C-alpha atoms as a PDB file:
ATOM      1  CA  UNK A   1      49.716-126.438  20.733  1.00  0.00           C
ATOM      2  CA  UNK A   2      53.088-125.097  22.145  1.00  0.00           C
ATOM      3  CA  UNK A   3      53.995-121.240  22.539  1.00  0.00           C
ATOM      4  CA  UNK A   4      57.299-120.037  20.738  1.00  0.00           C
ATOM      5  CA  UNK A   5      59.373-118.121  23.085  1.00  0.00           C
ATOM      6  CA  UNK A   6      62.435-117.185  21.294  1.00  0.00           C
ATOM      7  CA  UNK A   7      63.446-120.625  20.188  1.00  0.00           C
ATOM      8  CA  UNK A   8      61.639-122.376  22.844  1.00  0.00           C
ATOM      9  CA  UNK A   9      57.748-123.452  22.643  1.00  0.00           C
ATOM     10  CA  UNK A  10      56.037-123.683  25.823  1.00  0.00           C
ATOM     11  CA  UNK A  11      53.343-126.705  25.873  1.00  0.00           C
ATOM     12  CA  UNK A  12      49.778-126.233  26.723  1.00  0.00           C
ATOM     13  CA  UNK A  13      46.704-127.918  26.813  1.00  0.00           C
ATOM     14  CA  UNK A  14      47.583-131.530  25.254  1.00  0.00           C
ATOM     15  CA  UNK A  15      50.589-130.887  26.352  1.00  0.00           C
ATOM     16  CA  UNK A  16      49.630-129.649  30.001  1.00  0.00           C
ATOM     17  CA  UNK A  17      48.941-133.269  29.980  1.00  0.00           C
ATOM     18  CA  UNK A  18      51.043-134.894  28.034  1.00  0.00           C
ATOM     19  CA  UNK A  19      53.994-132.618  29.056  1.00  0.00           C
ATOM     20  CA  UNK A  20      51.293-129.647  25.179  1.00  0.00           C
ATOM     21  CA  UNK A  21      47.448-128.815  25.370  1.00  0.00           C
ATOM     22  CA  UNK A  22      45.540-130.711  23.016  1.00  0.00           C
ATOM     23  CA  UNK A  23      47.314-128.366  23.493  1.00  0.00           C
ATOM     24  CA  UNK A  24      44.687-129.692  21.610  1.00  0.00           C
ATOM     25  CA  UNK A  25      42.779-127.985  19.269  1.00  0.00           C
ATOM     26  CA  UNK A  26      42.902-124.418  18.223  1.00  0.00           C
ATOM     27  CA  UNK A  27      41.570-121.231  18.679  1.00  0.00           C
ATOM     28  CA  UNK A  28      41.230-119.769  15.103  1.00  0.00           C
ATOM     29  CA  UNK A  29      38.351-117.850  13.041  1.00  0.00           C
ATOM     30  CA  UNK A  30      36.575-120.567  11.164  1.00  0.00           C
ATOM     31  CA  UNK A  31      33.189-119.431  11.428  1.00  0.00           C
ATOM     32  CA  UNK A  32      31.352-122.432  10.596  1.00  0.00           C
ATOM     33  CA  UNK A  33      29.307-123.843  13.554  1.00  0.00           C
ATOM     34  CA  UNK A  34      28.032-127.059  12.005  1.00  0.00           C
ATOM     35  CA  UNK A  35      29.428-130.267  13.007  1.00  0.00           C
ATOM     36  CA  UNK A  36      31.468-131.844  10.135  1.00  0.00           C
ATOM     37  CA  UNK A  37      30.738-135.427   8.820  1.00  0.00           C
ATOM     38  CA  UNK A  38      32.306-137.679  11.626  1.00  0.00           C
ATOM     39  CA  UNK A  39      31.968-135.154  14.499  1.00  0.00           C
ATOM     40  CA  UNK A  40      29.934-135.633  17.440  1.00  0.00           C
ATOM     41  CA  UNK A  41      27.155-132.746  17.663  1.00  0.00           C
ATOM     42  CA  UNK A  42      27.582-130.341  20.652  1.00  0.00           C
ATOM     43  CA  UNK A  43      25.023-131.070  23.290  1.00  0.00           C
ATOM     44  CA  UNK A  44      22.183-128.486  23.640  1.00  0.00           C
ATOM     45  CA  UNK A  45      22.567-125.521  25.599  1.00  0.00           C
ATOM     46  CA  UNK A  46      19.492-126.269  27.467  1.00  0.00           C
ATOM     47  CA  UNK A  47      21.361-129.267  29.225  1.00  0.00           C
ATOM     48  CA  UNK A  48      23.465-126.753  30.982  1.00  0.00           C
ATOM     49  CA  UNK A  49      22.864-124.030  33.744  1.00  0.00           C
ATOM     50  CA  UNK A  50      22.110-120.489  32.456  1.00  0.00           C
ATOM     51  CA  UNK A  51      24.285-117.884  34.147  1.00  0.00           C
ATOM     52  CA  UNK A  52      21.542-115.794  35.423  1.00  0.00           C
ATOM     53  CA  UNK A  53      23.506-112.828  36.320  1.00  0.00           C
ATOM     54  CA  UNK A  54      26.428-114.684  38.211  1.00  0.00           C
ATOM     55  CA  UNK A  55      30.059-114.340  38.024  1.00  0.00           C
ATOM     56  CA  UNK A  56      32.504-117.162  36.854  1.00  0.00           C
ATOM     57  CA  UNK A  57      33.423-117.783  40.478  1.00  0.00           C
ATOM     58  CA  UNK A  58      29.769-117.804  41.487  1.00  0.00           C
ATOM     59  CA  UNK A  59      28.742-120.321  38.760  1.00  0.00           C
ATOM     60  CA  UNK A  60      31.673-122.510  39.444  1.00  0.00           C
ATOM     61  CA  UNK A  61      31.148-122.237  43.313  1.00  0.00           C
ATOM     62  CA  UNK A  62      27.398-123.200  42.892  1.00  0.00           C
ATOM     63  CA  UNK A  63      28.549-126.272  40.771  1.00  0.00           C
ATOM     64  CA  UNK A  64      30.202-129.467  41.848  1.00  0.00           C
ATOM     65  CA  UNK A  65      33.696-129.731  41.661  1.00  0.00           C
ATOM     66  CA  UNK A  66      35.327-132.105  38.957  1.00  0.00           C
ATOM     67  CA  UNK A  67      38.691-133.899  38.595  1.00  0.00           C
ATOM     68  CA  UNK A  68      39.300-133.410  35.030  1.00  0.00           C
ATOM     69  CA  UNK A  69      41.584-130.697  33.305  1.00  0.00           C
ATOM     70  CA  UNK A  70      40.551-128.932  30.379  1.00  0.00           C
ATOM     71  CA  UNK A  71      43.134-126.984  28.232  1.00  0.00           C
ATOM     72  CA  UNK A  72      43.093-124.781  25.701  1.00  0.00           C
ATOM     73  CA  UNK A  73      44.284-125.443  21.860  1.00  0.00           C
ATOM     74  CA  UNK A  74      45.417-121.841  21.303  1.00  0.00           C
ATOM     75  CA  UNK A  75      46.009-118.342  22.534  1.00  0.00           C
ATOM     76  CA  UNK A  76      44.837-116.254  19.653  1.00  0.00           C
ATOM     77  CA  UNK A  77      41.662-114.643  19.982  1.00  0.00           C
ATOM     78  CA  UNK A  78      39.736-111.649  18.390  1.00  0.00           C
ATOM     79  CA  UNK A  79      36.612-109.902  19.364  1.00  0.00           C
ATOM     80  CA  UNK A  80      33.449-111.348  18.577  1.00  0.00           C
ATOM     81  CA  UNK A  81      33.136-114.973  17.587  1.00  0.00           C
ATOM     82  CA  UNK A  82      35.891-117.337  17.665  1.00  0.00           C
ATOM     83  CA  UNK A  83      36.411-121.047  16.842  1.00  0.00           C
ATOM     84  CA  UNK A  84      37.831-122.245  20.576  1.00  0.00           C
ATOM     85  CA  UNK A  85      39.451-125.534  20.544  1.00  0.00           C
ATOM     86  CA  UNK A  86      40.400-127.521  23.778  1.00  0.00           C
ATOM     87  CA  UNK A  87      41.200-131.212  25.315  1.00  0.00           C
ATOM     88  CA  UNK A  88      39.965-132.796  28.237  1.00  0.00           C
ATOM     89  CA  UNK A  89      41.836-135.018  30.043  1.00  0.00           C
ATOM     90  CA  UNK A  90      42.182-136.712  33.362  1.00  0.00           C
ATOM     91  CA  UNK A  91      44.262-136.080  36.279  1.00  0.00           C
ATOM     92  CA  UNK A  92      46.666-138.937  35.070  1.00  0.00           C
ATOM     93  CA  UNK A  93      46.913-137.207  31.369  1.00  0.00           C
ATOM     94  CA  UNK A  94      44.436-139.701  29.634  1.00  0.00           C
ATOM     95  CA  UNK A  95      42.570-137.941  26.941  1.00  0.00           C
ATOM     96  CA  UNK A  96      38.717-138.022  27.510  1.00  0.00           C
ATOM     97  CA  UNK A  97      37.169-138.086  24.272  1.00  0.00           C
ATOM     98  CA  UNK A  98      33.409-138.685  24.895  1.00  0.00           C
ATOM     99  CA  UNK A  99      32.414-135.713  27.499  1.00  0.00           C
ATOM    100  CA  UNK A 100      29.623-133.174  26.946  1.00  0.00           C
ATOM    101  CA  UNK A 101      31.176-129.985  27.675  1.00  0.00           C
ATOM    102  CA  UNK A 102      30.130-126.361  27.568  1.00  0.00           C
ATOM    103  CA  UNK A 103      32.161-123.455  28.287  1.00  0.00           C
ATOM    104  CA  UNK A 104      31.399-120.118  30.113  1.00  0.00           C
ATOM    105  CA  UNK A 105      33.509-116.806  29.918  1.00  0.00           C
ATOM    106  CA  UNK A 106      33.648-113.612  31.733  1.00  0.00           C
ATOM    107  CA  UNK A 107      35.292-110.487  30.838  1.00  0.00           C
ATOM    108  CA  UNK A 108      37.823-109.791  33.543  1.00  0.00           C
ATOM    109  CA  UNK A 109      38.173-111.502  37.351  1.00  0.00           C
ATOM    110  CA  UNK A 110      34.562-109.856  38.189  1.00  0.00           C
ATOM    111  CA  UNK A 111      32.694-109.898  34.817  1.00  0.00           C
ATOM    112  CA  UNK A 112      29.356-111.452  34.303  1.00  0.00           C
ATOM    113  CA  UNK A 113      29.109-115.213  33.120  1.00  0.00           C
ATOM    114  CA  UNK A 114      28.399-115.568  29.227  1.00  0.00           C
ATOM    115  CA  UNK A 115      27.340-119.139  28.033  1.00  0.00           C
ATOM    116  CA  UNK A 116      26.950-121.767  27.448  1.00  0.00           C
ATOM    117  CA  UNK A 117      28.668-122.255  24.685  1.00  0.00           C
ATOM    118  CA  UNK A 118      28.420-126.221  24.142  1.00  0.00           C
ATOM    119  CA  UNK A 119      31.077-127.856  22.102  1.00  0.00           C
ATOM    120  CA  UNK A 120      30.969-130.304  19.497  1.00  0.00           C
ATOM    121  CA  UNK A 121      33.836-133.087  19.035  1.00  0.00           C
ATOM    122  CA  UNK A 122      35.848-133.636  16.075  1.00  0.00           C
ATOM    123  CA  UNK A 123      37.778-136.678  15.489  1.00  0.00           C
ATOM    124  CA  UNK A 124      41.453-136.097  14.312  1.00  0.00           C
ATOM    125  CA  UNK A 125      41.493-139.775  13.204  1.00  0.00           C
ATOM    126  CA  UNK A 126      42.550-140.339   9.634  1.00  0.00           C
ATOM    127  CA  UNK A 127      42.431-143.829   7.271  1.00  0.00           C
ATOM    128  CA  UNK A 128      45.135-146.163   7.854  1.00  0.00           C
ATOM    129  CA  UNK A 129      46.851-145.307   4.853  1.00  0.00           C
ATOM    130  CA  UNK A 130      47.653-141.863   6.049  1.00  0.00           C
ATOM    131  CA  UNK A 131      48.292-142.398   9.575  1.00  0.00           C
ATOM    132  CA  UNK A 132      52.020-142.086  10.092  1.00  0.00           C
ATOM    133  CA  UNK A 133      54.449-144.011  11.729  1.00  0.00           C
ATOM    134  CA  UNK A 134      54.954-141.209  14.106  1.00  0.00           C
ATOM    135  CA  UNK A 135      51.477-140.994  14.979  1.00  0.00           C
ATOM    136  CA  UNK A 136      50.817-144.575  15.335  1.00  0.00           C
ATOM    137  CA  UNK A 137      53.511-145.296  17.605  1.00  0.00           C
ATOM    138  CA  UNK A 138      52.494-142.532  19.994  1.00  0.00           C
ATOM    139  CA  UNK A 139      50.133-143.748  22.640  1.00  0.00           C
ATOM    140  CA  UNK A 140      49.465-140.013  23.489  1.00  0.00           C
ATOM    141  CA  UNK A 141      48.684-138.798  20.004  1.00  0.00           C
ATOM    142  CA  UNK A 142      45.642-136.742  20.209  1.00  0.00           C
ATOM    143  CA  UNK A 143      42.240-138.251  18.998  1.00  0.00           C
ATOM    144  CA  UNK A 144      39.686-135.690  19.148  1.00  0.00           C
ATOM    145  CA  UNK A 145      39.592-132.039  19.564  1.00  0.00           C
ATOM    146  CA  UNK A 146      36.626-130.230  21.357  1.00  0.00           C
ATOM    147  CA  UNK A 147      35.127-127.099  19.575  1.00  0.00           C
ATOM    148  CA  UNK A 148      32.904-124.327  21.152  1.00  0.00           C
ATOM    149  CA  UNK A 149      32.191-120.848  19.193  1.00  0.00           C
ATOM    150  CA  UNK A 150      32.896-118.497  21.991  1.00  0.00           C
ATOM    151  CA  UNK A 151      31.858-115.028  21.582  1.00  0.00           C
ATOM    152  CA  UNK A 152      34.214-112.597  23.408  1.00  0.00           C
ATOM    153  CA  UNK A 153      32.622-108.987  22.883  1.00  0.00           C
ATOM    154  CA  UNK A 154      35.475-107.106  24.530  1.00  0.00           C
ATOM    155  CA  UNK A 155      39.242-106.495  24.360  1.00  0.00           C
ATOM    156  CA  UNK A 156      41.166-107.738  27.448  1.00  0.00           C
ATOM    157  CA  UNK A 157      41.289-110.720  29.835  1.00  0.00           C
ATOM    158  CA  UNK A 158      38.707-113.565  29.318  1.00  0.00           C
ATOM    159  CA  UNK A 159      38.408-116.214  32.005  1.00  0.00           C
ATOM    160  CA  UNK A 160      36.973-119.413  31.253  1.00  0.00           C
ATOM    161  CA  UNK A 161      35.482-122.733  33.421  1.00  0.00           C
ATOM    162  CA  UNK A 162      33.907-125.773  31.604  1.00  0.00           C
ATOM    163  CA  UNK A 163      30.847-127.523  33.093  1.00  0.00           C
ATOM    164  CA  UNK A 164      31.033-131.481  32.064  1.00  0.00           C
ATOM    165  CA  UNK A 165      28.101-133.675  31.837  1.00  0.00           C
ATOM    166  CA  UNK A 166      29.381-137.373  32.482  1.00  0.00           C
ATOM    167  CA  UNK A 167      26.679-140.290  33.641  1.00  0.00           C
ATOM    168  CA  UNK A 168      23.920-137.567  34.060  1.00  0.00           C
ATOM    169  CA  UNK A 169      26.135-135.331  36.444  1.00  0.00           C
ATOM    170  CA  UNK A 170      27.670-131.927  35.892  1.00  0.00           C
ATOM    171  CA  UNK A 171      30.930-131.076  37.395  1.00  0.00           C
ATOM    172  CA  UNK A 172      32.795-127.968  37.056  1.00  0.00           C
ATOM    173  CA  UNK A 173      36.466-127.532  36.187  1.00  0.00           C
ATOM    174  CA  UNK A 174      38.729-124.354  35.720  1.00  0.00           C
ATOM    175  CA  UNK A 175      40.466-123.809  32.065  1.00  0.00           C
ATOM    176  CA  UNK A 176      43.769-124.059  32.505  1.00  0.00           C
ATOM    177  CA  UNK A 177      44.610-120.616  31.236  1.00  0.00           C
ATOM    178  CA  UNK A 178      42.896-117.364  30.358  1.00  0.00           C
ATOM    179  CA  UNK A 179      42.360-115.872  26.905  1.00  0.00           C
ATOM    180  CA  UNK A 180      43.190-112.236  26.095  1.00  0.00           C
ATOM    181  CA  UNK A 181      41.639-110.360  23.276  1.00  0.00           C
ATOM    182  CA  UNK A 182      44.076-108.052  21.653  1.00  0.00           C
ATOM    183  CA  UNK A 183      43.616-104.960  19.592  1.00  0.00           C
ATOM    184  CA  UNK A 184      46.799-105.649  17.623  1.00  0.00           C
ATOM    185  CA  UNK A 185      46.795-109.390  16.007  1.00  0.00           C
ATOM    186  CA  UNK A 186      50.182-110.094  14.332  1.00  0.00           C
ATOM    187  CA  UNK A 187      48.895-113.460  12.967  1.00  0.00           C
ATOM    188  CA  UNK A 188      47.730-113.058   9.372  1.00  0.00           C
ATOM    189  CA  UNK A 189      43.760-113.211   9.777  1.00  0.00           C
ATOM    190  CA  UNK A 190      40.757-113.810   7.380  1.00  0.00           C
ATOM    191  CA  UNK A 191      40.555-111.121   4.919  1.00  0.00           C
ATOM    192  CA  UNK A 192      44.320-110.277   5.074  1.00  0.00           C
ATOM    193  CA  UNK A 193      46.697-111.085   2.362  1.00  0.00           C
ATOM    194  CA  UNK A 194      49.150-114.131   3.248  1.00  0.00           C
ATOM    195  CA  UNK A 195      52.423-113.143   3.415  1.00  0.00           C
ATOM    196  CA  UNK A 196      54.436-114.456   0.249  1.00  0.00           C
ATOM    197  CA  UNK A 197      57.298-116.520   1.442  1.00  0.00           C
ATOM    198  CA  UNK A 198      59.433-119.018  -0.308  1.00  0.00           C
ATOM    199  CA  UNK A 199      58.738-122.454   0.888  1.00  0.00           C
ATOM    200  CA  UNK A 200      61.200-125.273   0.564  1.00  0.00           C
ATOM    201  CA  UNK A 201      60.268-128.314  -1.542  1.00  0.00           C
ATOM    202  CA  UNK A 202      61.588-131.644  -2.436  1.00  0.00           C
ATOM    203  CA  UNK A 203      63.781-130.198  -5.501  1.00  0.00           C
ATOM    204  CA  UNK A 204      65.453-128.035  -2.954  1.00  0.00           C
ATOM    205  CA  UNK A 205      66.956-130.813  -0.704  1.00  0.00           C
ATOM    206  CA  UNK A 206      68.972-133.855  -1.035  1.00  0.00           C
ATOM    207  CA  UNK A 207      66.570-135.762   1.342  1.00  0.00           C
ATOM    208  CA  UNK A 208      63.086-134.771   2.458  1.00  0.00           C
ATOM    209  CA  UNK A 209      63.758-135.385   5.992  1.00  0.00           C
ATOM    210  CA  UNK A 210      65.585-132.111   5.798  1.00  0.00           C
ATOM    211  CA  UNK A 211      62.278-130.233   5.824  1.00  0.00           C
ATOM    212  CA  UNK A 212      59.921-132.964   7.397  1.00  0.00           C
ATOM    213  CA  UNK A 213      60.166-134.754  10.746  1.00  0.00           C
ATOM    214  CA  UNK A 214      57.374-136.885   9.978  1.00  0.00           C
ATOM    215  CA  UNK A 215      57.886-140.724   9.522  1.00  0.00           C
ATOM    216  CA  UNK A 216      57.390-141.502   6.627  1.00  0.00           C
ATOM    217  CA  UNK A 217      57.754-137.805   5.056  1.00  0.00           C
ATOM    218  CA  UNK A 218      54.269-136.197   4.064  1.00  0.00           C
ATOM    219  CA  UNK A 219      53.758-135.249   0.170  1.00  0.00           C
ATOM    220  CA  UNK A 220      53.127-131.764   1.278  1.00  0.00           C
ATOM    221  CA  UNK A 221      56.335-130.470  -0.198  1.00  0.00           C
ATOM    222  CA  UNK A 222      55.767-130.243  -4.109  1.00  0.00           C
ATOM    223  CA  UNK A 223      54.976-126.519  -4.137  1.00  0.00           C
ATOM    224  CA  UNK A 224      56.404-123.346  -3.214  1.00  0.00           C
ATOM    225  CA  UNK A 225      54.334-121.046  -1.476  1.00  0.00           C
ATOM    226  CA  UNK A 226      55.618-117.929  -3.391  1.00  0.00           C
ATOM    227  CA  UNK A 227      54.916-119.771  -6.716  1.00  0.00           C
ATOM    228  CA  UNK A 228      51.290-120.701  -6.052  1.00  0.00           C
ATOM    229  CA  UNK A 229      49.980-117.796  -3.915  1.00  0.00           C
ATOM    230  CA  UNK A 230      47.405-115.790  -5.754  1.00  0.00           C
ATOM    231  CA  UNK A 231      47.254-118.289  -8.265  1.00  0.00           C
ATOM    232  CA  UNK A 232      45.132-121.253  -6.814  1.00  0.00           C
ATOM    233  CA  UNK A 233      43.780-122.289  -3.238  1.00  0.00           C
ATOM    234  CA  UNK A 234      46.412-123.223  -0.615  1.00  0.00           C
ATOM    235  CA  UNK A 235      46.714-125.069   2.550  1.00  0.00           C
ATOM    236  CA  UNK A 236      49.360-124.097   4.323  1.00  0.00           C
ATOM    237  CA  UNK A 237      50.212-126.123   7.259  1.00  0.00           C
ATOM    238  CA  UNK A 238      52.931-125.091   9.883  1.00  0.00           C
ATOM    239  CA  UNK A 239      53.806-128.436  12.354  1.00  0.00           C
ATOM    240  CA  UNK A 240      56.417-130.446  13.268  1.00  0.00           C
ATOM    241  CA  UNK A 241      55.417-134.056  13.873  1.00  0.00           C
ATOM    242  CA  UNK A 242      58.476-135.304  15.540  1.00  0.00           C
ATOM    243  CA  UNK A 243      59.166-132.252  17.735  1.00  0.00           C
ATOM    244  CA  UNK A 244      55.714-131.113  18.920  1.00  0.00           C
ATOM    245  CA  UNK A 245      55.291-132.160  22.716  1.00  0.00           C
ATOM    246  CA  UNK A 246      51.684-131.573  22.444  1.00  0.00           C
ATOM    247  CA  UNK A 247      51.072-134.528  20.423  1.00  0.00           C
ATOM    248  CA  UNK A 248      49.043-132.550  17.968  1.00  0.00           C
ATOM    249  CA  UNK A 249      51.185-131.972  14.919  1.00  0.00           C
ATOM    250  CA  UNK A 250      51.511-135.435  13.830  1.00  0.00           C
ATOM    251  CA  UNK A 251      47.641-136.076  13.856  1.00  0.00           C
ATOM    252  CA  UNK A 252      46.950-132.927  11.782  1.00  0.00           C
ATOM    253  CA  UNK A 253      49.675-133.639   9.080  1.00  0.00           C
ATOM    254  CA  UNK A 254      48.036-136.858   8.755  1.00  0.00           C
ATOM    255  CA  UNK A 255      44.658-135.206   8.312  1.00  0.00           C
ATOM    256  CA  UNK A 256      46.223-132.563   5.473  1.00  0.00           C
ATOM    257  CA  UNK A 257      47.853-135.633   4.015  1.00  0.00           C
ATOM    258  CA  UNK A 258      44.453-137.432   3.879  1.00  0.00           C
ATOM    259  CA  UNK A 259      42.519-134.684   2.661  1.00  0.00           C
ATOM    260  CA  UNK A 260      45.466-133.451   0.085  1.00  0.00           C
ATOM    261  CA  UNK A 261      44.908-137.253  -1.473  1.00  0.00           C
ATOM    262  CA  UNK A 262      41.114-136.297  -2.350  1.00  0.00           C
ATOM    263  CA  UNK A 263      42.177-132.568  -3.549  1.00  0.00           C
ATOM    264  CA  UNK A 264      45.579-133.033  -5.517  1.00  0.00           C
ATOM    265  CA  UNK A 265      44.686-131.095  -8.522  1.00  0.00           C
ATOM    266  CA  UNK A 266      42.246-128.835  -6.722  1.00  0.00           C
ATOM    267  CA  UNK A 267      44.688-126.722  -4.249  1.00  0.00           C
ATOM    268  CA  UNK A 268      48.410-126.711  -3.333  1.00  0.00           C
ATOM    269  CA  UNK A 269      48.998-128.358   0.118  1.00  0.00           C
ATOM    270  CA  UNK A 270      52.130-127.168   1.601  1.00  0.00           C
ATOM    271  CA  UNK A 271      53.531-128.399   5.249  1.00  0.00           C
ATOM    272  CA  UNK A 272      55.930-126.195   6.671  1.00  0.00           C
ATOM    273  CA  UNK A 273      58.502-127.455   9.398  1.00  0.00           C
ATOM    274  CA  UNK A 274      58.927-124.892  12.696  1.00  0.00           C
ATOM    275  CA  UNK A 275      62.883-125.271  13.539  1.00  0.00           C
ATOM    276  CA  UNK A 276      65.817-124.361  11.298  1.00  0.00           C
ATOM    277  CA  UNK A 277      67.713-127.606  10.253  1.00  0.00           C
ATOM    278  CA  UNK A 278      64.542-129.121  12.450  1.00  0.00           C
ATOM    279  CA  UNK A 279      66.763-128.135  15.367  1.00  0.00           C
ATOM    280  CA  UNK A 280      65.137-126.555  18.205  1.00  0.00           C
ATOM    281  CA  UNK A 281      68.537-124.990  19.173  1.00  0.00           C
ATOM    282  CA  UNK A 282      68.711-123.274  15.919  1.00  0.00           C
ATOM    283  CA  UNK A 283      65.945-121.005  16.332  1.00  0.00           C
ATOM    284  CA  UNK A 284      62.651-120.866  14.099  1.00  0.00           C
ATOM    285  CA  UNK A 285      62.384-120.904  10.347  1.00  0.00           C
ATOM    286  CA  UNK A 286      61.982-117.592   8.721  1.00  0.00           C
ATOM    287  CA  UNK A 287      58.745-118.736   7.177  1.00  0.00           C
ATOM    288  CA  UNK A 288      57.121-119.007  10.665  1.00  0.00           C
ATOM    289  CA  UNK A 289      59.015-115.706  11.858  1.00  0.00           C
ATOM    290  CA  UNK A 290      57.113-114.277   8.692  1.00  0.00           C
ATOM    291  CA  UNK A 291      54.046-115.189   9.721  1.00  0.00           C
ATOM    292  CA  UNK A 292      54.157-114.247  13.534  1.00  0.00           C
ATOM    293  CA  UNK A 293      53.526-117.591  14.836  1.00  0.00           C
ATOM    294  CA  UNK A 294      53.873-117.851  18.646  1.00  0.00           C
ATOM    295  CA  UNK A 295      52.510-121.305  18.797  1.00  0.00           C
ATOM    296  CA  UNK A 296      52.042-124.385  16.377  1.00  0.00           C
ATOM    297  CA  UNK A 297      50.502-126.182  14.765  1.00  0.00           C
ATOM    298  CA  UNK A 298      48.783-123.261  12.657  1.00  0.00           C
ATOM    299  CA  UNK A 299      46.578-123.608   9.435  1.00  0.00           C
ATOM    300  CA  UNK A 300      45.730-120.979   7.114  1.00  0.00           C
ATOM    301  CA  UNK A 301      43.488-122.147   3.945  1.00  0.00           C
ATOM    302  CA  UNK A 302      44.213-119.045   1.425  1.00  0.00           C
ATOM    303  CA  UNK A 303      41.929-118.299  -1.612  1.00  0.00           C
ATOM    304  CA  UNK A 304      42.658-118.047  -5.000  1.00  0.00           C
ATOM    305  CA  UNK A 305      43.342-114.198  -4.725  1.00  0.00           C
ATOM    306  CA  UNK A 306      46.154-115.022  -1.732  1.00  0.00           C
ATOM    307  CA  UNK A 307      43.805-113.811   1.004  1.00  0.00           C
ATOM    308  CA  UNK A 308      43.338-116.004   4.398  1.00  0.00           C
ATOM    309  CA  UNK A 309      39.987-117.296   4.234  1.00  0.00           C
ATOM    310  CA  UNK A 310      40.282-119.697   7.207  1.00  0.00           C
ATOM    311  CA  UNK A 311      42.862-120.075   9.920  1.00  0.00           C
ATOM    312  CA  UNK A 312      42.897-122.319  13.048  1.00  0.00           C
ATOM    313  CA  UNK A 313      45.544-122.612  15.893  1.00  0.00           C
ATOM    314  CA  UNK A 314      45.706-126.044  17.206  1.00  0.00           C
ATOM    315  CA  UNK A 315      44.038-129.484  15.957  1.00  0.00           C
ATOM    316  CA  UNK A 316      41.446-129.583  13.178  1.00  0.00           C
ATOM    317  CA  UNK A 317      39.506-132.740  11.734  1.00  0.00           C
ATOM    318  CA  UNK A 318      39.518-133.642   8.204  1.00  0.00           C
ATOM    319  CA  UNK A 319      35.797-132.475   7.946  1.00  0.00           C
ATOM    320  CA  UNK A 320      36.611-128.979   9.068  1.00  0.00           C
ATOM    321  CA  UNK A 321      39.545-128.832   6.420  1.00  0.00           C
ATOM    322  CA  UNK A 322      36.842-130.300   3.822  1.00  0.00           C
ATOM    323  CA  UNK A 323      34.709-127.341   4.406  1.00  0.00           C
ATOM    324  CA  UNK A 324      37.322-124.834   4.859  1.00  0.00           C
ATOM    325  CA  UNK A 325      38.206-125.987   1.237  1.00  0.00           C
ATOM    326  CA  UNK A 326      34.698-125.738   0.327  1.00  0.00           C
ATOM    327  CA  UNK A 327      34.686-121.894   1.221  1.00  0.00           C
ATOM    328  CA  UNK A 328      37.493-121.045  -1.383  1.00  0.00           C
ATOM    329  CA  UNK A 329      35.696-123.098  -4.128  1.00  0.00           C
ATOM    330  CA  UNK A 330      37.304-126.488  -3.911  1.00  0.00           C
END
């Protein structure tokens, strides 16, 4: 995930390690807590200690300190239940793809710890035919995203730690940034109408590379959002494969390309680049501003009535996208 500030994205997560945070995966509002096909199910909560009234600092102090880095995929959370995506890395920035992890959260610096919230592991891999050169040539491309279902029951700052089981031992790691539950959420949320904006298509440009940094370009530029919104289900993905330092955008566009191939006649699939003329120095595209996005990638699955049904900030698997499509009748 990368954060937008003016015309600049600040990397977190996969990035914190790769430079963007799984950057990995995303905070979002997909309320499915079941593992998708190919996912590694979450470990049992019983495998992790209960907070027993301790604060987050007390829980951390009572645990063995670990040397892994846990980095959130996104920053947008709401009061209630949240899909929380994150990446796990070594100090040398190598992705850890098979750890058993549970997240604990506390409201403010002195709040009582809540949890554990065990994480499932969603694979970002696609079939070879749908893996872009930009992904295959990147040794740091994200491979998995860890996903916990966090319940944050009050507005304000929430601090997080992760307890990680490896080889029968549990160690504690701090999560690299806090989350803030805000009363005002400017990003289109589930149940809200998706903003109607024109998205460029292959008919609008001489060369598709003008609207797609992926190599080769995706096939997700046949429909203009303004033409299909409210008429059929839409998968709208904001991502820039070649310019995303988090190493997440390439894999998620590959995921959308693969799922699109299975549902060509069932929904409109649209990929939107982030920067005007694909040049970070020229600022954000108007479509990104219309959706009030502060990070990328972002996925919106929109129903036939033009309302957002699922949104995910950061990385997601093919199975998760398939589940989101099922929710809108695809």
